[in-house]
PDB file of N, CA and C in Angstrom:
ATOM      1  N   MET A   1       0.919  -0.876  -0.269  1.00  0.00           N
ATOM      2  CA  MET A   1      -0.029  -0.051  -0.133  1.00  0.00           C
ATOM      3  C   MET A   1       1.064   1.622   0.165  1.00  0.00           C
ATOM      4  N   LEU A   2       0.358   2.266  -0.631  1.00  0.00           N
ATOM      5  CA  LEU A   2       1.365   3.671  -1.076  1.00  0.00           C
ATOM      6  C   LEU A   2       0.701   4.682  -0.110  1.00  0.00           C
ATOM      7  N   ARG A   3       1.475   5.312   0.962  1.00  0.00           N
ATOM      8  CA  ARG A   3       0.891   6.564   1.846  1.00  0.00           C
ATOM      9  C   ARG A   3       1.584   7.604   1.185  1.00  0.00           C
ATOM     10  N   ILE A   4       0.821   8.278   0.814  1.00  0.00           N
ATOM     11  CA  ILE A   4       1.640  10.032   0.304  1.00  0.00           C
ATOM     12  C   ILE A   4       1.245  10.651   1.371  1.00  0.00           C
ATOM     13  N   THR A   5       2.135  11.692   1.904  1.00  0.00           N
ATOM     14  CA  THR A   5       1.707  13.073   2.422  1.00  0.00           C
ATOM     15  C   THR A   5       2.529  14.011   2.022  1.00  0.00           C
ATOM     16  N   PHE A   6       1.396  15.090   2.376  1.00  0.00           N
ATOM     17  CA  PHE A   6       1.635  16.206   1.928  1.00  0.00           C
ATOM     18  C   PHE A   6       1.736  17.494   2.453  1.00  0.00           C
ATOM     19  N   ARG A   7       3.384  17.766   2.912  1.00  0.00           N
ATOM     20  CA  ARG A   7       3.163  18.813   4.422  1.00  0.00           C
ATOM     21  C   ARG A   7       3.378  20.021   2.901  1.00  0.00           C
ATOM     22  N   HIS A   8       2.003  20.799   3.704  1.00  0.00           N
ATOM     23  CA  HIS A   8       1.959  22.083   3.343  1.00  0.00           C
ATOM     24  C   HIS A   8       3.025  23.292   3.489  1.00  0.00           C
ATOM     25  N   ILE A   9       4.079  23.784   2.850  1.00  0.00           N
ATOM     26  CA  ILE A   9       4.924  24.666   2.736  1.00  0.00           C
ATOM     27  C   ILE A   9       4.730  26.511   3.083  1.00  0.00           C
ATOM     28  N   SER A  10       3.537  26.438   1.842  1.00  0.00           N
ATOM     29  CA  SER A  10       3.130  27.853   2.016  1.00  0.00           C
ATOM     30  C   SER A  10       1.283  28.115   1.260  1.00  0.00           C
ATOM     31  N   GLY A  11       0.825  28.953   1.735  1.00  0.00           N
ATOM     32  CA  GLY A  11      -0.425  29.258   1.269  1.00  0.00           C
ATOM     33  C   GLY A  11      -1.347  29.284   2.695  1.00  0.00           C
ATOM     34  N   SER A  12      -2.688  28.611   2.502  1.00  0.00           N
ATOM     35  CA  SER A  12      -3.329  29.182   3.911  1.00  0.00           C
ATOM     36  C   SER A  12      -3.467  27.903   4.761  1.00  0.00           C
ATOM     37  N   ARG A  13      -2.634  27.010   4.525  1.00  0.00           N
ATOM     38  CA  ARG A  13      -2.490  25.854   5.045  1.00  0.00           C
ATOM     39  C   ARG A  13      -1.170  25.381   5.521  1.00  0.00           C
ATOM     40  N   ALA A  14      -0.081  26.466   5.424  1.00  0.00           N
ATOM     41  CA  ALA A  14       1.126  26.140   5.644  1.00  0.00           C
ATOM     42  C   ALA A  14       1.628  25.523   7.276  1.00  0.00           C
ATOM     43  N   THR A  15       2.289  24.537   6.988  1.00  0.00           N
ATOM     44  CA  THR A  15       2.540  23.763   8.206  1.00  0.00           C
ATOM     45  C   THR A  15       1.802  22.421   8.818  1.00  0.00           C
ATOM     46  N   GLN A  16       0.717  22.396   7.675  1.00  0.00           N
ATOM     47  CA  GLN A  16      -0.344  21.951   7.888  1.00  0.00           C
ATOM     48  C   GLN A  16       0.323  20.189   6.930  1.00  0.00           C
ATOM     49  N   LEU A  17      -0.557  19.178   7.671  1.00  0.00           N
ATOM     50  CA  LEU A  17      -0.528  17.572   6.924  1.00  0.00           C
ATOM     51  C   LEU A  17      -1.233  17.150   6.154  1.00  0.00           C
ATOM     52  N   ASP A  18      -1.462  16.383   4.957  1.00  0.00           N
ATOM     53  CA  ASP A  18      -2.445  15.829   4.822  1.00  0.00           C
ATOM     54  C   ASP A  18      -1.852  14.187   4.506  1.00  0.00           C
ATOM     55  N   VAL A  19      -2.288  13.382   5.089  1.00  0.00           N
ATOM     56  CA  VAL A  19      -2.113  11.720   4.647  1.00  0.00           C
ATOM     57  C   VAL A  19      -2.552  11.085   4.004  1.00  0.00           C
ATOM     58  N   ILE A  20      -2.589  10.741   3.214  1.00  0.00           N
ATOM     59  CA  ILE A  20      -3.551   9.633   2.295  1.00  0.00           C
ATOM     60  C   ILE A  20      -2.968   8.309   1.650  1.00  0.00           C
ATOM     61  N   GLN A  21      -3.254   7.369   1.907  1.00  0.00           N
ATOM     62  CA  GLN A  21      -3.566   6.446   1.196  1.00  0.00           C
ATOM     63  C   GLN A  21      -3.929   5.819  -0.352  1.00  0.00           C
ATOM     64  N   LEU A  22      -3.093   5.784  -0.967  1.00  0.00           N
ATOM     65  CA  LEU A  22      -3.860   5.725  -2.584  1.00  0.00           C
ATOM     66  C   LEU A  22      -3.968   3.942  -2.460  1.00  0.00           C
ATOM     67  N   GLY A  23      -5.144   4.166  -2.181  1.00  0.00           N
ATOM     68  CA  GLY A  23      -5.724   2.744  -2.535  1.00  0.00           C
ATOM     69  C   GLY A  23      -7.108   2.754  -3.417  1.00  0.00           C
ATOM     70  N   ALA A  24      -8.213   2.434  -3.318  1.00  0.00           N
ATOM     71  CA  ALA A  24      -9.099   1.918  -4.205  1.00  0.00           C
ATOM     72  C   ALA A  24      -9.758   3.325  -4.913  1.00  0.00           C
ATOM     73  N   HIS A  25      -9.025   4.240  -5.112  1.00  0.00           N
ATOM     74  CA  HIS A  25      -9.633   5.528  -5.377  1.00  0.00           C
ATOM     75  C   HIS A  25      -8.498   5.686  -7.008  1.00  0.00           C
ATOM     76  N   ARG A  26      -6.779   5.459  -6.883  1.00  0.00           N
ATOM     77  CA  ARG A  26      -6.556   5.295  -8.080  1.00  0.00           C
ATOM     78  C   ARG A  26      -6.116   6.858  -8.497  1.00  0.00           C
ATOM     79  N   GLU A  27      -6.229   7.749  -8.028  1.00  0.00           N
ATOM     80  CA  GLU A  27      -6.334   9.030  -7.977  1.00  0.00           C
ATOM     81  C   GLU A  27      -6.092  10.027  -7.303  1.00  0.00           C
ATOM     82  N   LEU A  28      -5.483  10.940  -7.471  1.00  0.00           N
ATOM     83  CA  LEU A  28      -5.696  11.735  -5.984  1.00  0.00           C
ATOM     84  C   LEU A  28      -5.893  13.710  -6.714  1.00  0.00           C
ATOM     85  N   ILE A  29      -6.770  14.495  -6.779  1.00  0.00           N
ATOM     86  CA  ILE A  29      -7.249  15.382  -7.410  1.00  0.00           C
ATOM     87  C   ILE A  29      -6.842  16.536  -6.122  1.00  0.00           C
ATOM     88  N   LEU A  30      -6.096  17.483  -6.724  1.00  0.00           N
ATOM     89  CA  LEU A  30      -5.467  18.842  -5.794  1.00  0.00           C
ATOM     90  C   LEU A  30      -6.178  20.022  -6.314  1.00  0.00           C
ATOM     91  N   GLY A  31      -6.871  20.629  -5.338  1.00  0.00           N
ATOM     92  CA  GLY A  31      -7.516  21.484  -5.268  1.00  0.00           C
ATOM     93  C   GLY A  31      -8.433  22.224  -4.307  1.00  0.00           C
ATOM     94  N   ARG A  32      -9.198  23.060  -4.955  1.00  0.00           N
ATOM     95  CA  ARG A  32     -10.906  23.702  -4.249  1.00  0.00           C
ATOM     96  C   ARG A  32     -11.663  22.755  -3.699  1.00  0.00           C
ATOM     97  N   ALA A  33     -12.101  22.263  -4.764  1.00  0.00           N
ATOM     98  CA  ALA A  33     -13.457  21.494  -5.019  1.00  0.00           C
ATOM     99  C   ALA A  33     -13.671  20.336  -3.321  1.00  0.00           C
ATOM    100  N   LEU A  34     -15.201  20.501  -2.927  1.00  0.00           N
ATOM    101  CA  LEU A  34     -14.902  19.793  -1.673  1.00  0.00           C
ATOM    102  C   LEU A  34     -14.672  17.838  -2.138  1.00  0.00           C
ATOM    103  N   SER A  35     -14.528  17.855  -3.176  1.00  0.00           N
ATOM    104  CA  SER A  35     -14.277  16.727  -3.715  1.00  0.00           C
ATOM    105  C   SER A  35     -12.263  16.329  -3.591  1.00  0.00           C
ATOM    106  N   ALA A  36     -11.679  17.103  -3.844  1.00  0.00           N
ATOM    107  CA  ALA A  36     -10.456  17.243  -3.992  1.00  0.00           C
ATOM    108  C   ALA A  36      -9.686  16.374  -2.369  1.00  0.00           C
ATOM    109  N   ALA A  37      -8.928  15.737  -3.049  1.00  0.00           N
ATOM    110  CA  ALA A  37      -8.197  14.656  -2.035  1.00  0.00           C
ATOM    111  C   ALA A  37      -7.691  15.850  -0.818  1.00  0.00           C
ATOM    112  N   VAL A  38      -7.033  16.342  -1.638  1.00  0.00           N
ATOM    113  CA  VAL A  38      -5.597  17.577  -1.208  1.00  0.00           C
ATOM    114  C   VAL A  38      -6.289  19.189  -1.543  1.00  0.00           C
ATOM    115  N   ARG A  39      -7.383  19.690  -0.398  1.00  0.00           N
ATOM    116  CA  ARG A  39      -8.272  20.675  -0.526  1.00  0.00           C
ATOM    117  C   ARG A  39      -7.636  21.602  -0.080  1.00  0.00           C
ATOM    118  N   PHE A  40      -7.781  23.293  -0.656  1.00  0.00           N
ATOM    119  CA  PHE A  40      -6.998  24.365  -0.442  1.00  0.00           C
ATOM    120  C   PHE A  40      -8.336  25.282  -0.257  1.00  0.00           C
ATOM    121  N   ASP A  41      -7.994  26.447   0.396  1.00  0.00           N
ATOM    122  CA  ASP A  41      -9.037  27.211   0.488  1.00  0.00           C
ATOM    123  C   ASP A  41      -9.867  27.845  -0.788  1.00  0.00           C
ATOM    124  N   PRO A  42     -10.907  28.012  -0.989  1.00  0.00           N
ATOM    125  CA  PRO A  42     -11.581  28.638  -1.738  1.00  0.00           C
ATOM    126  C   PRO A  42     -11.122  30.161  -1.817  1.00  0.00           C
ATOM    127  N   ARG A  43     -11.431  30.833  -0.625  1.00  0.00           N
ATOM    128  CA  ARG A  43     -10.962  31.978  -0.215  1.00  0.00           C
ATOM    129  C   ARG A  43      -9.630  32.965  -0.675  1.00  0.00           C
ATOM    130  N   ASP A  44      -8.549  31.909  -0.156  1.00  0.00           N
ATOM    131  CA  ASP A  44      -7.507  32.344   0.399  1.00  0.00           C
ATOM    132  C   ASP A  44      -6.584  31.901  -0.588  1.00  0.00           C
ATOM    133  N   ASP A  45      -6.533  30.584  -0.937  1.00  0.00           N
ATOM    134  CA  ASP A  45      -5.523  30.096  -2.239  1.00  0.00           C
ATOM    135  C   ASP A  45      -6.280  30.328  -3.513  1.00  0.00           C
ATOM    136  N   THR A  46      -6.656  31.452  -3.777  1.00  0.00           N
ATOM    137  CA  THR A  46      -7.042  31.956  -5.348  1.00  0.00           C
ATOM    138  C   THR A  46      -6.211  31.266  -6.788  1.00  0.00           C
ATOM    139  N   ALA A  47      -5.257  31.070  -6.488  1.00  0.00           N
ATOM    140  CA  ALA A  47      -4.504  30.490  -7.684  1.00  0.00           C
ATOM    141  C   ALA A  47      -4.394  29.566  -7.699  1.00  0.00           C
ATOM    142  N   VAL A  48      -5.394  28.273  -7.080  1.00  0.00           N
ATOM    143  CA  VAL A  48      -5.581  27.428  -6.939  1.00  0.00           C
ATOM    144  C   VAL A  48      -7.024  26.861  -8.116  1.00  0.00           C
ATOM    145  N   GLY A  49      -6.906  25.990  -8.739  1.00  0.00           N
ATOM    146  CA  GLY A  49      -8.483  25.883  -9.597  1.00  0.00           C
ATOM    147  C   GLY A  49      -9.126  25.125  -8.427  1.00  0.00           C
ATOM    148  N   ARG A  50     -10.638  24.399  -8.800  1.00  0.00           N
ATOM    149  CA  ARG A  50     -11.387  23.233  -8.172  1.00  0.00           C
ATOM    150  C   ARG A  50     -10.520  22.485  -8.407  1.00  0.00           C
ATOM    151  N   GLN A  51     -10.644  21.964  -9.714  1.00  0.00           N
ATOM    152  CA  GLN A  51      -9.968  20.222  -9.994  1.00  0.00           C
ATOM    153  C   GLN A  51      -8.573  21.064 -10.630  1.00  0.00           C
ATOM    154  N   HIS A  52      -7.412  21.069  -9.967  1.00  0.00           N
ATOM    155  CA  HIS A  52      -6.171  22.036 -10.555  1.00  0.00           C
ATOM    156  C   HIS A  52      -5.254  21.032 -10.851  1.00  0.00           C
ATOM    157  N   ALA A  53      -4.804  19.993 -10.319  1.00  0.00           N
ATOM    158  CA  ALA A  53      -4.042  18.892 -10.610  1.00  0.00           C
ATOM    159  C   ALA A  53      -4.241  17.308 -10.404  1.00  0.00           C
ATOM    160  N   ARG A  54      -3.828  16.209 -10.852  1.00  0.00           N
ATOM    161  CA  ARG A  54      -4.164  15.183 -10.493  1.00  0.00           C
ATOM    162  C   ARG A  54      -3.005  13.988 -10.067  1.00  0.00           C
ATOM    163  N   ILE A  55      -2.374  13.776  -9.464  1.00  0.00           N
ATOM    164  CA  ILE A  55      -1.544  12.162  -8.958  1.00  0.00           C
ATOM    165  C   ILE A  55      -2.278  11.042  -9.346  1.00  0.00           C
ATOM    166  N   THR A  56      -1.646  10.446  -9.820  1.00  0.00           N
ATOM    167  CA  THR A  56      -2.176   8.778 -10.352  1.00  0.00           C
ATOM    168  C   THR A  56      -0.810   7.893 -10.285  1.00  0.00           C
ATOM    169  N   PRO A  57      -1.681   6.655 -10.115  1.00  0.00           N
ATOM    170  CA  PRO A  57       0.089   5.813 -10.414  1.00  0.00           C
ATOM    171  C   PRO A  57      -0.026   5.686 -12.432  1.00  0.00           C
ATOM    172  N   SER A  58       1.311   5.427 -12.563  1.00  0.00           N
ATOM    173  CA  SER A  58       1.911   5.271 -14.054  1.00  0.00           C
ATOM    174  C   SER A  58       1.572   4.288 -14.409  1.00  0.00           C
ATOM    175  N   ALA A  59       1.133   4.182 -15.728  1.00  0.00           N
ATOM    176  CA  ALA A  59       0.150   3.395 -16.649  1.00  0.00           C
ATOM    177  C   ALA A  59       1.374   2.788 -17.340  1.00  0.00           C
ATOM    178  N   HIS A  60       2.434   3.008 -17.523  1.00  0.00           N
ATOM    179  CA  HIS A  60       3.729   2.390 -18.135  1.00  0.00           C
ATOM    180  C   HIS A  60       5.009   1.982 -16.975  1.00  0.00           C
ATOM    181  N   GLU A  61       5.216   2.536 -15.894  1.00  0.00           N
ATOM    182  CA  GLU A  61       6.426   2.237 -15.193  1.00  0.00           C
ATOM    183  C   GLU A  61       5.665   2.295 -13.686  1.00  0.00           C
ATOM    184  N   PRO A  62       5.934   0.914 -13.389  1.00  0.00           N
ATOM    185  CA  PRO A  62       4.847   0.378 -12.158  1.00  0.00           C
ATOM    186  C   PRO A  62       5.691   0.344 -10.998  1.00  0.00           C
ATOM    187  N   GLY A  63       5.060   0.991  -9.772  1.00  0.00           N
ATOM    188  CA  GLY A  63       6.297   1.345  -9.113  1.00  0.00           C
ATOM    189  C   GLY A  63       6.127   3.231  -8.795  1.00  0.00           C
ATOM    190  N   ARG A  64       5.540   4.299  -9.903  1.00  0.00           N
ATOM    191  CA  ARG A  64       6.306   5.556  -9.907  1.00  0.00           C
ATOM    192  C   ARG A  64       4.473   6.296  -9.996  1.00  0.00           C
ATOM    193  N   LEU A  65       4.844   7.268  -9.739  1.00  0.00           N
ATOM    194  CA  LEU A  65       3.264   8.245  -9.408  1.00  0.00           C
ATOM    195  C   LEU A  65       3.594   9.295 -10.358  1.00  0.00           C
ATOM    196  N   MET A  66       2.475   9.931 -10.632  1.00  0.00           N
ATOM    197  CA  MET A  66       2.735  11.115 -11.977  1.00  0.00           C
ATOM    198  C   MET A  66       1.969  12.175 -11.929  1.00  0.00           C
ATOM    199  N   LEU A  67       2.185  13.149 -11.792  1.00  0.00           N
ATOM    200  CA  LEU A  67       1.498  14.596 -11.782  1.00  0.00           C
ATOM    201  C   LEU A  67       1.288  15.130 -13.258  1.00  0.00           C
ATOM    202  N   THR A  68       0.119  15.334 -13.112  1.00  0.00           N
ATOM    203  CA  THR A  68      -0.638  15.812 -14.354  1.00  0.00           C
ATOM    204  C   THR A  68      -1.250  17.352 -13.929  1.00  0.00           C
ATOM    205  N   ASP A  69      -1.176  18.657 -15.075  1.00  0.00           N
ATOM    206  CA  ASP A  69      -2.144  19.633 -14.567  1.00  0.00           C
ATOM    207  C   ASP A  69      -3.529  19.301 -15.463  1.00  0.00           C
ATOM    208  N   LEU A  70      -4.277  19.694 -14.603  1.00  0.00           N
ATOM    209  CA  LEU A  70      -5.849  19.583 -15.388  1.00  0.00           C
ATOM    210  C   LEU A  70      -6.219  20.475 -16.320  1.00  0.00           C
ATOM    211  N   GLY A  71      -5.349  21.290 -16.427  1.00  0.00           N
ATOM    212  CA  GLY A  71      -5.581  22.441 -17.590  1.00  0.00           C
ATOM    213  C   GLY A  71      -5.989  23.584 -16.859  1.00  0.00           C
ATOM    214  N   SER A  72      -5.287  23.694 -15.527  1.00  0.00           N
ATOM    215  CA  SER A  72      -5.488  25.326 -14.732  1.00  0.00           C
ATOM    216  C   SER A  72      -5.368  26.427 -15.385  1.00  0.00           C
ATOM    217  N   ARG A  73      -6.364  27.363 -14.877  1.00  0.00           N
ATOM    218  CA  ARG A  73      -5.826  28.737 -15.757  1.00  0.00           C
ATOM    219  C   ARG A  73      -4.395  29.171 -15.222  1.00  0.00           C
ATOM    220  N   ASN A  74      -3.870  29.121 -13.905  1.00  0.00           N
ATOM    221  CA  ASN A  74      -2.346  29.109 -13.553  1.00  0.00           C
ATOM    222  C   ASN A  74      -1.054  28.385 -13.738  1.00  0.00           C
ATOM    223  N   GLY A  75      -1.656  27.352 -14.168  1.00  0.00           N
ATOM    224  CA  GLY A  75      -0.204  26.138 -14.142  1.00  0.00           C
ATOM    225  C   GLY A  75       0.004  25.658 -12.663  1.00  0.00           C
ATOM    226  N   THR A  76       1.011  24.422 -12.874  1.00  0.00           N
ATOM    227  CA  THR A  76       1.325  23.753 -11.868  1.00  0.00           C
ATOM    228  C   THR A  76       2.572  23.171 -11.889  1.00  0.00           C
ATOM    229  N   LEU A  77       3.325  24.050 -11.020  1.00  0.00           N
ATOM    230  CA  LEU A  77       4.878  23.745 -11.282  1.00  0.00           C
ATOM    231  C   LEU A  77       5.572  22.636 -10.156  1.00  0.00           C
ATOM    232  N   LEU A  78       6.683  21.856 -10.853  1.00  0.00           N
ATOM    233  CA  LEU A  78       7.298  20.453  -9.924  1.00  0.00           C
ATOM    234  C   LEU A  78       8.488  21.065  -9.742  1.00  0.00           C
ATOM    235  N   ASN A  79       9.006  21.136  -8.481  1.00  0.00           N
ATOM    236  CA  ASN A  79      10.162  21.577  -8.064  1.00  0.00           C
ATOM    237  C   ASN A  79      10.739  23.005  -8.991  1.00  0.00           C
ATOM    238  N   GLY A  80       9.693  24.218  -9.378  1.00  0.00           N
ATOM    239  CA  GLY A  80      10.193  25.586  -9.807  1.00  0.00           C
ATOM    240  C   GLY A  80      10.024  25.345 -10.977  1.00  0.00           C
ATOM    241  N   GLN A  81       9.278  24.182 -12.081  1.00  0.00           N
ATOM    242  CA  GLN A  81       9.558  23.983 -13.488  1.00  0.00           C
ATOM    243  C   GLN A  81       7.907  23.764 -13.754  1.00  0.00           C
ATOM    244  N   ARG A  82       7.588  24.643 -14.453  1.00  0.00           N
ATOM    245  CA  ARG A  82       5.809  24.478 -15.604  1.00  0.00           C
ATOM    246  C   ARG A  82       5.861  22.954 -15.994  1.00  0.00           C
ATOM    247  N   VAL A  83       4.517  22.603 -15.885  1.00  0.00           N
ATOM    248  CA  VAL A  83       4.218  21.136 -16.243  1.00  0.00           C
ATOM    249  C   VAL A  83       3.988  21.375 -17.356  1.00  0.00           C
ATOM    250  N   GLY A  84       4.007  20.876 -18.226  1.00  0.00           N
ATOM    251  CA  GLY A  84       3.139  21.039 -19.737  1.00  0.00           C
ATOM    252  C   GLY A  84       2.664  19.638 -20.209  1.00  0.00           C
ATOM    253  N   THR A  85       3.300  18.853 -19.374  1.00  0.00           N
ATOM    254  CA  THR A  85       2.808  17.294 -20.014  1.00  0.00           C
ATOM    255  C   THR A  85       2.592  16.576 -18.280  1.00  0.00           C
ATOM    256  N   THR A  86       1.943  15.307 -18.585  1.00  0.00           N
ATOM    257  CA  THR A  86       2.252  14.843 -17.327  1.00  0.00           C
ATOM    258  C   THR A  86       3.757  14.049 -17.072  1.00  0.00           C
ATOM    259  N   VAL A  87       3.991  14.070 -15.858  1.00  0.00           N
ATOM    260  CA  VAL A  87       5.810  14.201 -15.267  1.00  0.00           C
ATOM    261  C   VAL A  87       5.558  13.114 -13.811  1.00  0.00           C
ATOM    262  N   ALA A  88       6.805  12.680 -13.929  1.00  0.00           N
ATOM    263  CA  ALA A  88       7.029  11.969 -13.062  1.00  0.00           C
ATOM    264  C   ALA A  88       7.184  12.486 -11.576  1.00  0.00           C
ATOM    265  N   LEU A  89       6.607  11.748 -10.294  1.00  0.00           N
ATOM    266  CA  LEU A  89       6.887  12.245  -8.991  1.00  0.00           C
ATOM    267  C   LEU A  89       7.723  11.775  -7.785  1.00  0.00           C
ATOM    268  N   GLN A  90       9.073  12.142  -7.535  1.00  0.00           N
ATOM    269  CA  GLN A  90       9.567  12.151  -6.292  1.00  0.00           C
ATOM    270  C   GLN A  90       9.410  11.807  -5.299  1.00  0.00           C
ATOM    271  N   SER A  91       9.425  11.378  -3.976  1.00  0.00           N
ATOM    272  CA  SER A  91       9.477  11.762  -2.794  1.00  0.00           C
ATOM    273  C   SER A  91      10.364  12.873  -2.780  1.00  0.00           C
ATOM    274  N   GLY A  92       9.991  13.913  -1.819  1.00  0.00           N
ATOM    275  CA  GLY A  92      10.707  15.117  -1.544  1.00  0.00           C
ATOM    276  C   GLY A  92      10.065  16.094  -2.936  1.00  0.00           C
ATOM    277  N   ASP A  93       9.932  15.974  -3.962  1.00  0.00           N
ATOM    278  CA  ASP A  93       9.426  16.861  -4.715  1.00  0.00           C
ATOM    279  C   ASP A  93       8.443  17.780  -3.962  1.00  0.00           C
ATOM    280  N   VAL A  94       8.536  19.279  -4.577  1.00  0.00           N
ATOM    281  CA  VAL A  94       7.521  20.410  -4.127  1.00  0.00           C
ATOM    282  C   VAL A  94       6.841  20.564  -5.945  1.00  0.00           C
ATOM    283  N   VAL A  95       5.704  20.359  -5.342  1.00  0.00           N
ATOM    284  CA  VAL A  95       4.662  21.096  -6.360  1.00  0.00           C
ATOM    285  C   VAL A  95       3.824  22.388  -5.485  1.00  0.00           C
ATOM    286  N   ARG A  96       3.833  23.635  -6.845  1.00  0.00           N
ATOM    287  CA  ARG A  96       2.656  24.313  -6.519  1.00  0.00           C
ATOM    288  C   ARG A  96       1.729  24.383  -7.216  1.00  0.00           C
ATOM    289  N   LEU A  97       1.035  25.316  -7.033  1.00  0.00           N
ATOM    290  CA  LEU A  97      -0.307  25.649  -7.827  1.00  0.00           C
ATOM    291  C   LEU A  97      -0.490  26.545  -8.160  1.00  0.00           C
ATOM    292  N   GLY A  98       0.063  27.133  -9.093  1.00  0.00           N
ATOM    293  CA  GLY A  98       0.415  28.299  -9.999  1.00  0.00           C
ATOM    294  C   GLY A  98       1.735  29.097  -9.793  1.00  0.00           C
ATOM    295  N   GLU A  99       1.791  30.103 -10.027  1.00  0.00           N
ATOM    296  CA  GLU A  99       3.026  30.846  -9.967  1.00  0.00           C
ATOM    297  C   GLU A  99       3.209  31.277  -8.962  1.00  0.00           C
ATOM    298  N   THR A 100       2.127  31.702  -8.445  1.00  0.00           N
ATOM    299  CA  THR A 100       2.023  32.448  -6.522  1.00  0.00           C
ATOM    300  C   THR A 100       1.034  31.862  -5.898  1.00  0.00           C
ATOM    301  N   GLY A 101       1.587  30.722  -6.103  1.00  0.00           N
ATOM    302  CA  GLY A 101      -0.020  29.755  -5.195  1.00  0.00           C
ATOM    303  C   GLY A 101       0.750  28.629  -4.166  1.00  0.00           C
ATOM    304  N   PRO A 102      -0.014  27.977  -3.091  1.00  0.00           N
ATOM    305  CA  PRO A 102       0.548  27.187  -2.475  1.00  0.00           C
ATOM    306  C   PRO A 102       1.536  26.435  -2.961  1.00  0.00           C
ATOM    307  N   GLU A 103       2.355  25.848  -2.032  1.00  0.00           N
ATOM    308  CA  GLU A 103       3.591  24.504  -2.141  1.00  0.00           C
ATOM    309  C   GLU A 103       2.932  23.814  -1.331  1.00  0.00           C
ATOM    310  N   VAL A 104       3.352  22.072  -1.706  1.00  0.00           N
ATOM    311  CA  VAL A 104       3.637  21.026  -0.726  1.00  0.00           C
ATOM    312  C   VAL A 104       4.628  20.128  -0.961  1.00  0.00           C
ATOM    313  N   GLU A 105       5.270  19.674  -0.251  1.00  0.00           N
ATOM    314  CA  GLU A 105       5.965  19.142  -0.483  1.00  0.00           C
ATOM    315  C   GLU A 105       5.542  17.561  -0.392  1.00  0.00           C
ATOM    316  N   VAL A 106       6.080  16.212  -1.589  1.00  0.00           N
ATOM    317  CA  VAL A 106       5.028  14.920  -1.590  1.00  0.00           C
ATOM    318  C   VAL A 106       6.159  14.393  -0.379  1.00  0.00           C
ATOM    319  N   LEU A 107       5.739  13.561   0.133  1.00  0.00           N
ATOM    320  CA  LEU A 107       6.351  12.621   0.582  1.00  0.00           C
ATOM    321  C   LEU A 107       5.984  10.840   0.438  1.00  0.00           C
ATOM    322  N   ILE A 108       6.456  10.076  -0.165  1.00  0.00           N
ATOM    323  CA  ILE A 108       6.056   8.780  -0.673  1.00  0.00           C
ATOM    324  C   ILE A 108       6.595   7.958   0.396  1.00  0.00           C
ATOM    325  N   ASP A 109       5.539   6.680   0.833  1.00  0.00           N
ATOM    326  CA  ASP A 109       5.864   5.873   1.548  1.00  0.00           C
ATOM    327  C   ASP A 109       5.296   4.780   0.914  1.00  0.00           C
ATOM    328  N   GLY A 110       6.049   3.633   0.842  1.00  0.00           N
ATOM    329  CA  GLY A 110       5.582   2.392   0.433  1.00  0.00           C
ATOM    330  C   GLY A 110       5.677   1.930  -0.753  1.00  0.00           C
ATOM    331  N   THR A 111       4.978   1.555  -1.450  1.00  0.00           N
ATOM    332  CA  THR A 111       5.049   1.050  -2.603  1.00  0.00           C
ATOM    333  C   THR A 111       3.725   0.871  -3.870  1.00  0.00           C
ATOM    334  N   VAL A 112       3.883   1.505  -5.022  1.00  0.00           N
ATOM    335  CA  VAL A 112       2.537   1.423  -5.582  1.00  0.00           C
ATOM    336  C   VAL A 112       2.070   0.342  -6.045  1.00  0.00           C
ATOM    337  N   ASP A 113       0.499  -0.147  -6.058  1.00  0.00           N
ATOM    338  CA  ASP A 113       0.072  -1.539  -6.395  1.00  0.00           C
ATOM    339  C   ASP A 113      -0.284  -1.156  -7.791  1.00  0.00           C
ATOM    340  N   ARG A 114      -0.395  -2.169  -8.585  1.00  0.00           N
ATOM    341  CA  ARG A 114      -0.852  -1.956  -9.685  1.00  0.00           C
ATOM    342  C   ARG A 114      -2.191  -2.843 -10.270  1.00  0.00           C
TER     343      ARG A 114
END
């Protein structure tokens, strides 16, 4: 089983943690929507879209997680680089939602089940 910890570095949730087991859901949405697995404040984190980005297991590389921007207006950055396509995530990577939006550090523990 795979456990992902999101350590909020900046934004309205700075210093908070989200710990999520990647199991039956098979994808995690980051955004302001009530249904998002990693939810941001709709009033304070205005750079974040309702469904801003998605994290899923790789279809081609067992054991790897992938990050995809979901067509957000402000973009998604991985370690300071704008995400144009789906990119691989590694434990310790920093995801920023929007050029000036909140940052989260992604910590991955365990293995990705296929």
